Amino acid sequence: MVECLPGVPLSVLEWMRRRDGPGRSRDRRQAAASRKRGRILEEMAKNMGCRASTVHRRLYSTGRGGPRGRHDDKSPGMPSP
């Protein structure tokens, strides 16, 4: 099993997860924290209420973007007409 975010301690991920509101950032950090605890994809998916492929995608995006990935930035959205 490959460790998720090897340079980031579990305590930091937990703190960031608690600080976040509901949404994708929180879900990605929850998946990363669960992986650091040694959970397998199927177990994480069951606990998070999603499919294993979704958990895998969250872990992949967290690994690429780090704990403060690009998804944490607010997007401006569509401009008003």
Foldseek 3Di string as FASTA:
>chain_A
DDQQQVPDDLVVLVVVLVPDDDDLLNLLSVLNSVVNVPDDLCVSCVVVVHHSVVSVVSSVQCRVQPSCRPVVDDDPPDDDD
